[in-house]
Amino acid sequence: MKRSLLLCVLMSAFASTGAYAQADLAKAKNCMACHAVGNKLVGPSYKDVAAKYEGQKGAEDKLVQKVMKGGAGVWGPVPMPANPQVSEAEARSLVKWVLSQK
């Protein structure tokens, strides 16, 4: 029992550390200049993105490309610029985090 409890506590710590790391990465890559977790800024909130793409096959790959190459027309007239400073691995990590926001 103690071992299971300890394992749960450690897993929770690693999971929450990962979430903080992704938020820090989003800040470092300037994502937060246009996006916020819970409210629309220039672009949609991460919660709105997660809701829009929930359960959609291929959404992660599509959004990874959008983060890296930019896009327009999905959320209104303001285009999302390309982000050449974001590697594919970073984009994938960020997208997984964004899609986990609810």
PDB file of N, CA and C in Angstrom:
ATOM      1  N   MET A   1       0.822  -1.191   0.000  1.00  0.00           N
ATOM      2  CA  MET A   1       0.000   0.000   0.000  1.00  0.00           C
ATOM      3  C   MET A   1       0.864   1.252   0.000  1.00  0.00           C
ATOM      4  N   LYS A   2       1.856   1.296   0.894  1.00  0.00           N
ATOM      5  CA  LYS A   2       2.741   2.459   0.961  1.00  0.00           C
ATOM      6  C   LYS A   2       3.496   2.634  -0.354  1.00  0.00           C
ATOM      7  N   ARG A   3       3.910   1.517  -0.922  1.00  0.00           N
ATOM      8  CA  ARG A   3       4.657   1.562  -2.176  1.00  0.00           C
ATOM      9  C   ARG A   3       3.780   2.125  -3.298  1.00  0.00           C
ATOM     10  N   SER A   4       2.522   1.718  -3.356  1.00  0.00           N
ATOM     11  CA  SER A   4       1.586   2.222  -4.367  1.00  0.00           C
ATOM     12  C   SER A   4       1.330   3.704  -4.185  1.00  0.00           C
ATOM     13  N   LEU A   5       1.160   4.120  -2.948  1.00  0.00           N
ATOM     14  CA  LEU A   5       0.927   5.528  -2.664  1.00  0.00           C
ATOM     15  C   LEU A   5       2.132   6.361  -3.076  1.00  0.00           C
ATOM     16  N   LEU A   6       3.310   5.892  -2.751  1.00  0.00           N
ATOM     17  CA  LEU A   6       4.531   6.599  -3.122  1.00  0.00           C
ATOM     18  C   LEU A   6       4.658   6.691  -4.639  1.00  0.00           C
ATOM     19  N   LEU A   7       4.354   5.612  -5.335  1.00  0.00           N
ATOM     20  CA  LEU A   7       4.413   5.610  -6.781  1.00  0.00           C
ATOM     21  C   LEU A   7       3.438   6.630  -7.370  1.00  0.00           C
ATOM     22  N   CYS A   8       2.231   6.696  -6.835  1.00  0.00           N
ATOM     23  CA  CYS A   8       1.237   7.671  -7.299  1.00  0.00           C
ATOM     24  C   CYS A   8       1.713   9.101  -7.073  1.00  0.00           C
ATOM     25  N   VAL A   9       2.284   9.359  -5.926  1.00  0.00           N
ATOM     26  CA  VAL A   9       2.790  10.703  -5.616  1.00  0.00           C
ATOM     27  C   VAL A   9       3.913  11.078  -6.581  1.00  0.00           C
ATOM     28  N   LEU A  10       4.835  10.156  -6.829  1.00  0.00           N
ATOM     29  CA  LEU A  10       5.937  10.437  -7.747  1.00  0.00           C
ATOM     30  C   LEU A  10       5.443  10.660  -9.171  1.00  0.00           C
ATOM     31  N   MET A  11       4.506   9.854  -9.617  1.00  0.00           N
ATOM     32  CA  MET A  11       3.959  10.019 -10.966  1.00  0.00           C
ATOM     33  C   MET A  11       3.244  11.355 -11.097  1.00  0.00           C
ATOM     34  N   SER A  12       2.518  11.772 -10.075  1.00  0.00           N
ATOM     35  CA  SER A  12       1.848  13.069 -10.087  1.00  0.00           C
ATOM     36  C   SER A  12       2.859  14.201 -10.178  1.00  0.00           C
ATOM     37  N   ALA A  13       3.929  14.080  -9.439  1.00  0.00           N
ATOM     38  CA  ALA A  13       4.969  15.117  -9.460  1.00  0.00           C
ATOM     39  C   ALA A  13       5.586  15.228 -10.846  1.00  0.00           C
ATOM     40  N   PHE A  14       5.884  14.089 -11.463  1.00  0.00           N
ATOM     41  CA  PHE A  14       6.467  14.133 -12.807  1.00  0.00           C
ATOM     42  C   PHE A  14       5.475  14.685 -13.818  1.00  0.00           C
ATOM     43  N   ALA A  15       4.213  14.324 -13.709  1.00  0.00           N
ATOM     44  CA  ALA A  15       3.198  14.816 -14.636  1.00  0.00           C
ATOM     45  C   ALA A  15       3.032  16.319 -14.503  1.00  0.00           C
ATOM     46  N   SER A  16       2.955  16.825 -13.285  1.00  0.00           N
ATOM     47  CA  SER A  16       2.775  18.263 -13.107  1.00  0.00           C
ATOM     48  C   SER A  16       4.037  19.019 -13.498  1.00  0.00           C
ATOM     49  N   THR A  17       5.204  18.436 -13.277  1.00  0.00           N
ATOM     50  CA  THR A  17       6.449  19.065 -13.711  1.00  0.00           C
ATOM     51  C   THR A  17       6.460  19.177 -15.225  1.00  0.00           C
ATOM     52  N   GLY A  18       5.978  18.146 -15.910  1.00  0.00           N
ATOM     53  CA  GLY A  18       5.899  18.184 -17.372  1.00  0.00           C
ATOM     54  C   GLY A  18       4.989  19.283 -17.861  1.00  0.00           C
ATOM     55  N   ALA A  19       3.853  19.476 -17.187  1.00  0.00           N
ATOM     56  CA  ALA A  19       2.925  20.536 -17.572  1.00  0.00           C
ATOM     57  C   ALA A  19       3.571  21.903 -17.403  1.00  0.00           C
ATOM     58  N   TYR A  20       4.286  22.086 -16.300  1.00  0.00           N
ATOM     59  CA  TYR A  20       4.983  23.359 -16.094  1.00  0.00           C
ATOM     60  C   TYR A  20       6.072  23.548 -17.143  1.00  0.00           C
ATOM     61  N   ALA A  21       6.750  22.469 -17.484  1.00  0.00           N
ATOM     62  CA  ALA A  21       7.807  22.558 -18.485  1.00  0.00           C
ATOM     63  C   ALA A  21       7.232  22.987 -19.831  1.00  0.00           C
ATOM     64  N   GLN A  22       6.054  22.465 -20.188  1.00  0.00           N
ATOM     65  CA  GLN A  22       5.433  22.834 -21.465  1.00  0.00           C
ATOM     66  C   GLN A  22       4.986  24.290 -21.454  1.00  0.00           C
ATOM     67  N   ALA A  23       4.443  24.752 -20.342  1.00  0.00           N
ATOM     68  CA  ALA A  23       4.054  26.159 -20.232  1.00  0.00           C
ATOM     69  C   ALA A  23       5.287  27.045 -20.348  1.00  0.00           C
ATOM     70  N   ASP A  24       6.382  26.627 -19.740  1.00  0.00           N
ATOM     71  CA  ASP A  24       7.635  27.380 -19.845  1.00  0.00           C
ATOM     72  C   ASP A  24       8.149  27.386 -21.281  1.00  0.00           C
ATOM     73  N   LEU A  25       8.026  26.260 -21.964  1.00  0.00           N
ATOM     74  CA  LEU A  25       8.447  26.182 -23.362  1.00  0.00           C
ATOM     75  C   LEU A  25       7.586  27.105 -24.218  1.00  0.00           C
ATOM     76  N   ALA A  26       6.285  27.117 -23.963  1.00  0.00           N
ATOM     77  CA  ALA A  26       5.384  28.002 -24.707  1.00  0.00           C
ATOM     78  C   ALA A  26       5.771  29.470 -24.495  1.00  0.00           C
ATOM     79  N   LYS A  27       6.146  29.813 -23.279  1.00  0.00           N
ATOM     80  CA  LYS A  27       6.598  31.182 -23.004  1.00  0.00           C
ATOM     81  C   LYS A  27       7.918  31.466 -23.715  1.00  0.00           C
ATOM     82  N   ALA A  28       8.847  30.524 -23.642  1.00  0.00           N
ATOM     83  CA  ALA A  28      10.168  30.713 -24.242  1.00  0.00           C
ATOM     84  C   ALA A  28      10.098  30.849 -25.761  1.00  0.00           C
ATOM     85  N   LYS A  29       9.141  30.196 -26.380  1.00  0.00           N
ATOM     86  CA  LYS A  29       9.006  30.240 -27.839  1.00  0.00           C
ATOM     87  C   LYS A  29       8.029  31.323 -28.297  1.00  0.00           C
ATOM     88  N   ASN A  30       7.616  32.181 -27.390  1.00  0.00           N
ATOM     89  CA  ASN A  30       6.735  33.325 -27.655  1.00  0.00           C
ATOM     90  C   ASN A  30       5.303  32.949 -28.045  1.00  0.00           C
ATOM     91  N   CYS A  31       4.882  31.732 -27.748  1.00  0.00           N
ATOM     92  CA  CYS A  31       3.498  31.326 -28.029  1.00  0.00           C
ATOM     93  C   CYS A  31       2.517  32.161 -27.201  1.00  0.00           C
ATOM     94  N   MET A  32       2.938  32.488 -25.978  1.00  0.00           N
ATOM     95  CA  MET A  32       2.053  33.197 -25.058  1.00  0.00           C
ATOM     96  C   MET A  32       1.876  34.675 -25.440  1.00  0.00           C
ATOM     97  N   ALA A  33       2.605  35.144 -26.436  1.00  0.00           N
ATOM     98  CA  ALA A  33       2.395  36.510 -26.914  1.00  0.00           C
ATOM     99  C   ALA A  33       1.036  36.619 -27.610  1.00  0.00           C
ATOM    100  N   CYS A  34       0.572  35.522 -28.189  1.00  0.00           N
ATOM    101  CA  CYS A  34      -0.703  35.530 -28.918  1.00  0.00           C
ATOM    102  C   CYS A  34      -1.756  34.601 -28.335  1.00  0.00           C
ATOM    103  N   HIS A  35      -1.351  33.659 -27.494  1.00  0.00           N
ATOM    104  CA  HIS A  35      -2.269  32.665 -26.930  1.00  0.00           C
ATOM    105  C   HIS A  35      -2.202  32.657 -25.415  1.00  0.00           C
ATOM    106  N   ALA A  36      -3.303  32.249 -24.800  1.00  0.00           N
ATOM    107  CA  ALA A  36      -3.362  32.014 -23.357  1.00  0.00           C
ATOM    108  C   ALA A  36      -4.102  30.696 -23.153  1.00  0.00           C
ATOM    109  N   VAL A  37      -3.967  30.131 -21.980  1.00  0.00           N
ATOM    110  CA  VAL A  37      -4.616  28.842 -21.720  1.00  0.00           C
ATOM    111  C   VAL A  37      -6.136  28.981 -21.745  1.00  0.00           C
ATOM    112  N   GLY A  38      -6.665  29.974 -21.042  1.00  0.00           N
ATOM    113  CA  GLY A  38      -8.107  30.023 -20.851  1.00  0.00           C
ATOM    114  C   GLY A  38      -8.874  31.120 -21.561  1.00  0.00           C
ATOM    115  N   ASN A  39      -8.185  32.060 -22.211  1.00  0.00           N
ATOM    116  CA  ASN A  39      -8.931  33.124 -22.889  1.00  0.00           C
ATOM    117  C   ASN A  39      -8.258  33.507 -24.197  1.00  0.00           C
ATOM    118  N   LYS A  40      -9.053  34.021 -25.116  1.00  0.00           N
ATOM    119  CA  LYS A  40      -8.563  34.442 -26.425  1.00  0.00           C
ATOM    120  C   LYS A  40      -7.739  35.714 -26.276  1.00  0.00           C
ATOM    121  N   LEU A  41      -6.603  35.730 -26.928  1.00  0.00           N
ATOM    122  CA  LEU A  41      -5.814  36.957 -27.047  1.00  0.00           C
ATOM    123  C   LEU A  41      -5.858  37.326 -28.532  1.00  0.00           C
ATOM    124  N   VAL A  42      -4.746  37.299 -29.201  1.00  0.00           N
ATOM    125  CA  VAL A  42      -4.721  37.491 -30.646  1.00  0.00           C
ATOM    126  C   VAL A  42      -5.249  36.222 -31.312  1.00  0.00           C
ATOM    127  N   GLY A  43      -4.783  35.087 -30.803  1.00  0.00           N
ATOM    128  CA  GLY A  43      -5.227  33.786 -31.293  1.00  0.00           C
ATOM    129  C   GLY A  43      -6.124  33.120 -30.267  1.00  0.00           C
ATOM    130  N   PRO A  44      -6.641  31.957 -30.601  1.00  0.00           N
ATOM    131  CA  PRO A  44      -7.563  31.260 -29.695  1.00  0.00           C
ATOM    132  C   PRO A  44      -6.872  30.780 -28.423  1.00  0.00           C
ATOM    133  N   SER A  45      -7.667  30.567 -27.391  1.00  0.00           N
ATOM    134  CA  SER A  45      -7.117  29.994 -26.159  1.00  0.00           C
ATOM    135  C   SER A  45      -6.752  28.537 -26.415  1.00  0.00           C
ATOM    136  N   TYR A  46      -5.842  28.034 -25.609  1.00  0.00           N
ATOM    137  CA  TYR A  46      -5.470  26.634 -25.746  1.00  0.00           C
ATOM    138  C   TYR A  46      -6.643  25.719 -25.420  1.00  0.00           C
ATOM    139  N   LYS A  47      -7.498  26.141 -24.501  1.00  0.00           N
ATOM    140  CA  LYS A  47      -8.680  25.334 -24.181  1.00  0.00           C
ATOM    141  C   LYS A  47      -9.615  25.249 -25.387  1.00  0.00           C
ATOM    142  N   ASP A  48      -9.768  26.355 -26.118  1.00  0.00           N
ATOM    143  CA  ASP A  48     -10.605  26.342 -27.320  1.00  0.00           C
ATOM    144  C   ASP A  48     -10.003  25.446 -28.400  1.00  0.00           C
ATOM    145  N   VAL A  49      -8.688  25.485 -28.543  1.00  0.00           N
ATOM    146  CA  VAL A  49      -8.019  24.619 -29.523  1.00  0.00           C
ATOM    147  C   VAL A  49      -8.233  23.154 -29.149  1.00  0.00           C
ATOM    148  N   ALA A  50      -8.045  22.835 -27.875  1.00  0.00           N
ATOM    149  CA  ALA A  50      -8.236  21.458 -27.414  1.00  0.00           C
ATOM    150  C   ALA A  50      -9.663  20.989 -27.671  1.00  0.00           C
ATOM    151  N   ALA A  51     -10.633  21.856 -27.413  1.00  0.00           N
ATOM    152  CA  ALA A  51     -12.042  21.492 -27.627  1.00  0.00           C
ATOM    153  C   ALA A  51     -12.337  21.290 -29.117  1.00  0.00           C
ATOM    154  N   LYS A  52     -11.806  22.165 -29.959  1.00  0.00           N
ATOM    155  CA  LYS A  52     -12.073  22.080 -31.402  1.00  0.00           C
ATOM    156  C   LYS A  52     -11.516  20.793 -32.005  1.00  0.00           C
ATOM    157  N   TYR A  53     -10.344  20.390 -31.557  1.00  0.00           N
ATOM    158  CA  TYR A  53      -9.673  19.241 -32.164  1.00  0.00           C
ATOM    159  C   TYR A  53      -9.835  17.942 -31.381  1.00  0.00           C
ATOM    160  N   GLU A  54     -10.592  17.973 -30.307  1.00  0.00           N
ATOM    161  CA  GLU A  54     -10.773  16.774 -29.483  1.00  0.00           C
ATOM    162  C   GLU A  54     -11.328  15.617 -30.313  1.00  0.00           C
ATOM    163  N   GLY A  55     -10.622  14.500 -30.253  1.00  0.00           N
ATOM    164  CA  GLY A  55     -11.068  13.287 -30.928  1.00  0.00           C
ATOM    165  C   GLY A  55     -10.844  13.262 -32.433  1.00  0.00           C
ATOM    166  N   GLN A  56     -10.265  14.310 -33.003  1.00  0.00           N
ATOM    167  CA  GLN A  56     -10.039  14.338 -34.448  1.00  0.00           C
ATOM    168  C   GLN A  56      -8.771  13.575 -34.810  1.00  0.00           C
ATOM    169  N   LYS A  57      -8.920  12.636 -35.694  1.00  0.00           N
ATOM    170  CA  LYS A  57      -7.786  11.846 -36.164  1.00  0.00           C
ATOM    171  C   LYS A  57      -6.828  12.757 -36.935  1.00  0.00           C
ATOM    172  N   GLY A  58      -5.554  12.662 -36.628  1.00  0.00           N
ATOM    173  CA  GLY A  58      -4.549  13.446 -37.329  1.00  0.00           C
ATOM    174  C   GLY A  58      -4.398  14.880 -36.839  1.00  0.00           C
ATOM    175  N   ALA A  59      -5.139  15.248 -35.793  1.00  0.00           N
ATOM    176  CA  ALA A  59      -5.087  16.631 -35.299  1.00  0.00           C
ATOM    177  C   ALA A  59      -3.691  17.005 -34.814  1.00  0.00           C
ATOM    178  N   GLU A  60      -3.046  16.099 -34.116  1.00  0.00           N
ATOM    179  CA  GLU A  60      -1.716  16.420 -33.580  1.00  0.00           C
ATOM    180  C   GLU A  60      -0.742  16.749 -34.707  1.00  0.00           C
ATOM    181  N   ASP A  61      -0.687  15.910 -35.735  1.00  0.00           N
ATOM    182  CA  ASP A  61       0.225  16.155 -36.855  1.00  0.00           C
ATOM    183  C   ASP A  61      -0.120  17.455 -37.575  1.00  0.00           C
ATOM    184  N   LYS A  62      -1.399  17.696 -37.767  1.00  0.00           N
ATOM    185  CA  LYS A  62      -1.863  18.920 -38.431  1.00  0.00           C
ATOM    186  C   LYS A  62      -1.421  20.157 -37.645  1.00  0.00           C
ATOM    187  N   LEU A  63      -1.604  20.122 -36.341  1.00  0.00           N
ATOM    188  CA  LEU A  63      -1.251  21.272 -35.517  1.00  0.00           C
ATOM    189  C   LEU A  63       0.254  21.457 -35.388  1.00  0.00           C
ATOM    190  N   VAL A  64       1.013  20.382 -35.386  1.00  0.00           N
ATOM    191  CA  VAL A  64       2.472  20.497 -35.368  1.00  0.00           C
ATOM    192  C   VAL A  64       2.924  21.282 -36.597  1.00  0.00           C
ATOM    193  N   GLN A  65       2.368  20.940 -37.747  1.00  0.00           N
ATOM    194  CA  GLN A  65       2.724  21.656 -38.979  1.00  0.00           C
ATOM    195  C   GLN A  65       2.287  23.118 -38.916  1.00  0.00           C
ATOM    196  N   LYS A  66       1.125  23.359 -38.346  1.00  0.00           N
ATOM    197  CA  LYS A  66       0.636  24.734 -38.231  1.00  0.00           C
ATOM    198  C   LYS A  66       1.538  25.559 -37.319  1.00  0.00           C
ATOM    199  N   VAL A  67       2.001  24.972 -36.229  1.00  0.00           N
ATOM    200  CA  VAL A  67       2.915  25.687 -35.327  1.00  0.00           C
ATOM    201  C   VAL A  67       4.182  26.057 -36.085  1.00  0.00           C
ATOM    202  N   MET A  68       4.704  25.132 -36.847  1.00  0.00           N
ATOM    203  CA  MET A  68       5.980  25.366 -37.521  1.00  0.00           C
ATOM    204  C   MET A  68       5.852  26.256 -38.762  1.00  0.00           C
ATOM    205  N   LYS A  69       4.801  26.049 -39.556  1.00  0.00           N
ATOM    206  CA  LYS A  69       4.681  26.733 -40.847  1.00  0.00           C
ATOM    207  C   LYS A  69       3.683  27.887 -40.848  1.00  0.00           C
ATOM    208  N   GLY A  70       2.867  27.983 -39.797  1.00  0.00           N
ATOM    209  CA  GLY A  70       1.847  29.023 -39.753  1.00  0.00           C
ATOM    210  C   GLY A  70       0.578  28.573 -40.455  1.00  0.00           C
ATOM    211  N   GLY A  71      -0.404  29.449 -40.475  1.00  0.00           N
ATOM    212  CA  GLY A  71      -1.665  29.127 -41.119  1.00  0.00           C
ATOM    213  C   GLY A  71      -2.618  30.291 -41.013  1.00  0.00           C
ATOM    214  N   ALA A  72      -3.765  30.158 -41.666  1.00  0.00           N
ATOM    215  CA  ALA A  72      -4.752  31.244 -41.657  1.00  0.00           C
ATOM    216  C   ALA A  72      -6.137  30.697 -41.938  1.00  0.00           C
ATOM    217  N   GLY A  73      -7.141  31.446 -41.466  1.00  0.00           N
ATOM    218  CA  GLY A  73      -8.518  31.181 -41.826  1.00  0.00           C
ATOM    219  C   GLY A  73      -9.300  30.272 -40.915  1.00  0.00           C
ATOM    220  N   VAL A  74      -8.659  29.544 -40.026  1.00  0.00           N
ATOM    221  CA  VAL A  74      -9.382  28.610 -39.163  1.00  0.00           C
ATOM    222  C   VAL A  74     -10.038  29.333 -37.992  1.00  0.00           C
ATOM    223  N   TRP A  75      -9.362  30.332 -37.453  1.00  0.00           N
ATOM    224  CA  TRP A  75      -9.841  31.036 -36.260  1.00  0.00           C
ATOM    225  C   TRP A  75     -10.180  32.499 -36.540  1.00  0.00           C
ATOM    226  N   GLY A  76     -10.303  32.859 -37.786  1.00  0.00           N
ATOM    227  CA  GLY A  76     -10.613  34.241 -38.133  1.00  0.00           C
ATOM    228  C   GLY A  76      -9.575  34.814 -39.076  1.00  0.00           C
ATOM    229  N   PRO A  77      -9.614  36.124 -39.263  1.00  0.00           N
ATOM    230  CA  PRO A  77      -8.773  36.752 -40.284  1.00  0.00           C
ATOM    231  C   PRO A  77      -7.298  36.927 -39.904  1.00  0.00           C
ATOM    232  N   VAL A  78      -6.955  36.838 -38.631  1.00  0.00           N
ATOM    233  CA  VAL A  78      -5.570  37.045 -38.223  1.00  0.00           C
ATOM    234  C   VAL A  78      -4.775  35.759 -38.448  1.00  0.00           C
ATOM    235  N   PRO A  79      -3.765  35.786 -39.320  1.00  0.00           N
ATOM    236  CA  PRO A  79      -2.982  34.574 -39.577  1.00  0.00           C
ATOM    237  C   PRO A  79      -2.027  34.258 -38.439  1.00  0.00           C
ATOM    238  N   MET A  80      -1.709  32.979 -38.304  1.00  0.00           N
ATOM    239  CA  MET A  80      -0.679  32.557 -37.368  1.00  0.00           C
ATOM    240  C   MET A  80       0.621  32.497 -38.153  1.00  0.00           C
ATOM    241  N   PRO A  81       1.638  33.245 -37.716  1.00  0.00           N
ATOM    242  CA  PRO A  81       2.896  33.229 -38.466  1.00  0.00           C
ATOM    243  C   PRO A  81       3.648  31.921 -38.270  1.00  0.00           C
ATOM    244  N   ALA A  82       4.553  31.651 -39.190  1.00  0.00           N
ATOM    245  CA  ALA A  82       5.442  30.506 -39.051  1.00  0.00           C
ATOM    246  C   ALA A  82       6.354  30.733 -37.851  1.00  0.00           C
ATOM    247  N   ASN A  83       6.796  29.658 -37.247  1.00  0.00           N
ATOM    248  CA  ASN A  83       7.667  29.721 -36.074  1.00  0.00           C
ATOM    249  C   ASN A  83       8.929  28.914 -36.327  1.00  0.00           C
ATOM    250  N   PRO A  84       9.867  29.458 -37.115  1.00  0.00           N
ATOM    251  CA  PRO A  84      11.071  28.694 -37.443  1.00  0.00           C
ATOM    252  C   PRO A  84      11.967  28.421 -36.236  1.00  0.00           C
ATOM    253  N   GLN A  85      11.750  29.125 -35.138  1.00  0.00           N
ATOM    254  CA  GLN A  85      12.552  28.910 -33.924  1.00  0.00           C
ATOM    255  C   GLN A  85      12.093  27.679 -33.149  1.00  0.00           C
ATOM    256  N   VAL A  86      10.990  27.060 -33.580  1.00  0.00           N
ATOM    257  CA  VAL A  86      10.439  25.886 -32.900  1.00  0.00           C
ATOM    258  C   VAL A  86      10.785  24.639 -33.706  1.00  0.00           C
ATOM    259  N   SER A  87      11.490  23.710 -33.082  1.00  0.00           N
ATOM    260  CA  SER A  87      11.821  22.446 -33.760  1.00  0.00           C
ATOM    261  C   SER A  87      10.568  21.570 -33.830  1.00  0.00           C
ATOM    262  N   GLU A  88      10.629  20.542 -34.645  1.00  0.00           N
ATOM    263  CA  GLU A  88       9.478  19.634 -34.749  1.00  0.00           C
ATOM    264  C   GLU A  88       9.214  18.937 -33.409  1.00  0.00           C
ATOM    265  N   ALA A  89      10.257  18.546 -32.715  1.00  0.00           N
ATOM    266  CA  ALA A  89      10.089  17.892 -31.408  1.00  0.00           C
ATOM    267  C   ALA A  89       9.441  18.853 -30.408  1.00  0.00           C
ATOM    268  N   GLU A  90       9.880  20.103 -30.409  1.00  0.00           N
ATOM    269  CA  GLU A  90       9.271  21.097 -29.511  1.00  0.00           C
ATOM    270  C   GLU A  90       7.823  21.344 -29.889  1.00  0.00           C
ATOM    271  N   ALA A  91       7.545  21.454 -31.194  1.00  0.00           N
ATOM    272  CA  ALA A  91       6.177  21.677 -31.656  1.00  0.00           C
ATOM    273  C   ALA A  91       5.270  20.520 -31.231  1.00  0.00           C
ATOM    274  N   ARG A  92       5.754  19.308 -31.373  1.00  0.00           N
ATOM    275  CA  ARG A  92       4.956  18.135 -30.988  1.00  0.00           C
ATOM    276  C   ARG A  92       4.679  18.151 -29.495  1.00  0.00           C
ATOM    277  N   SER A  93       5.678  18.469 -28.716  1.00  0.00           N
ATOM    278  CA  SER A  93       5.522  18.545 -27.269  1.00  0.00           C
ATOM    279  C   SER A  93       4.505  19.630 -26.893  1.00  0.00           C
ATOM    280  N   LEU A  94       4.609  20.786 -27.514  1.00  0.00           N
ATOM    281  CA  LEU A  94       3.674  21.880 -27.262  1.00  0.00           C
ATOM    282  C   LEU A  94       2.244  21.509 -27.664  1.00  0.00           C
ATOM    283  N   VAL A  95       2.106  20.893 -28.826  1.00  0.00           N
ATOM    284  CA  VAL A  95       0.766  20.515 -29.304  1.00  0.00           C
ATOM    285  C   VAL A  95       0.132  19.487 -28.376  1.00  0.00           C
ATOM    286  N   LYS A  96       0.896  18.512 -27.926  1.00  0.00           N
ATOM    287  CA  LYS A  96       0.349  17.526 -26.985  1.00  0.00           C
ATOM    288  C   LYS A  96      -0.143  18.228 -25.723  1.00  0.00           C
ATOM    289  N   TRP A  97       0.632  19.199 -25.255  1.00  0.00           N
ATOM    290  CA  TRP A  97       0.235  19.959 -24.057  1.00  0.00           C
ATOM    291  C   TRP A  97      -1.031  20.766 -24.337  1.00  0.00           C
ATOM    292  N   VAL A  98      -1.069  21.444 -25.463  1.00  0.00           N
ATOM    293  CA  VAL A  98      -2.248  22.248 -25.815  1.00  0.00           C
ATOM    294  C   VAL A  98      -3.484  21.364 -25.892  1.00  0.00           C
ATOM    295  N   LEU A  99      -3.365  20.224 -26.551  1.00  0.00           N
ATOM    296  CA  LEU A  99      -4.517  19.330 -26.701  1.00  0.00           C
ATOM    297  C   LEU A  99      -4.955  18.714 -25.363  1.00  0.00           C
ATOM    298  N   SER A 100      -4.103  18.762 -24.366  1.00  0.00           N
ATOM    299  CA  SER A 100      -4.481  18.228 -23.048  1.00  0.00           C
ATOM    300  C   SER A 100      -5.223  19.265 -22.196  1.00  0.00           C
ATOM    301  N   GLN A 101      -5.277  20.505 -22.640  1.00  0.00           N
ATOM    302  CA  GLN A 101      -5.957  21.562 -21.878  1.00  0.00           C
ATOM    303  C   GLN A 101      -7.463  21.378 -22.010  1.00  0.00           C
ATOM    304  N   LYS A 102      -8.146  21.415 -20.885  1.00  0.00           N
ATOM    305  CA  LYS A 102      -9.622  21.239 -20.953  1.00  0.00           C
ATOM    306  C   LYS A 102     -10.289  22.084 -19.921  1.00  0.00           C
TER     307      LYS A 102
END
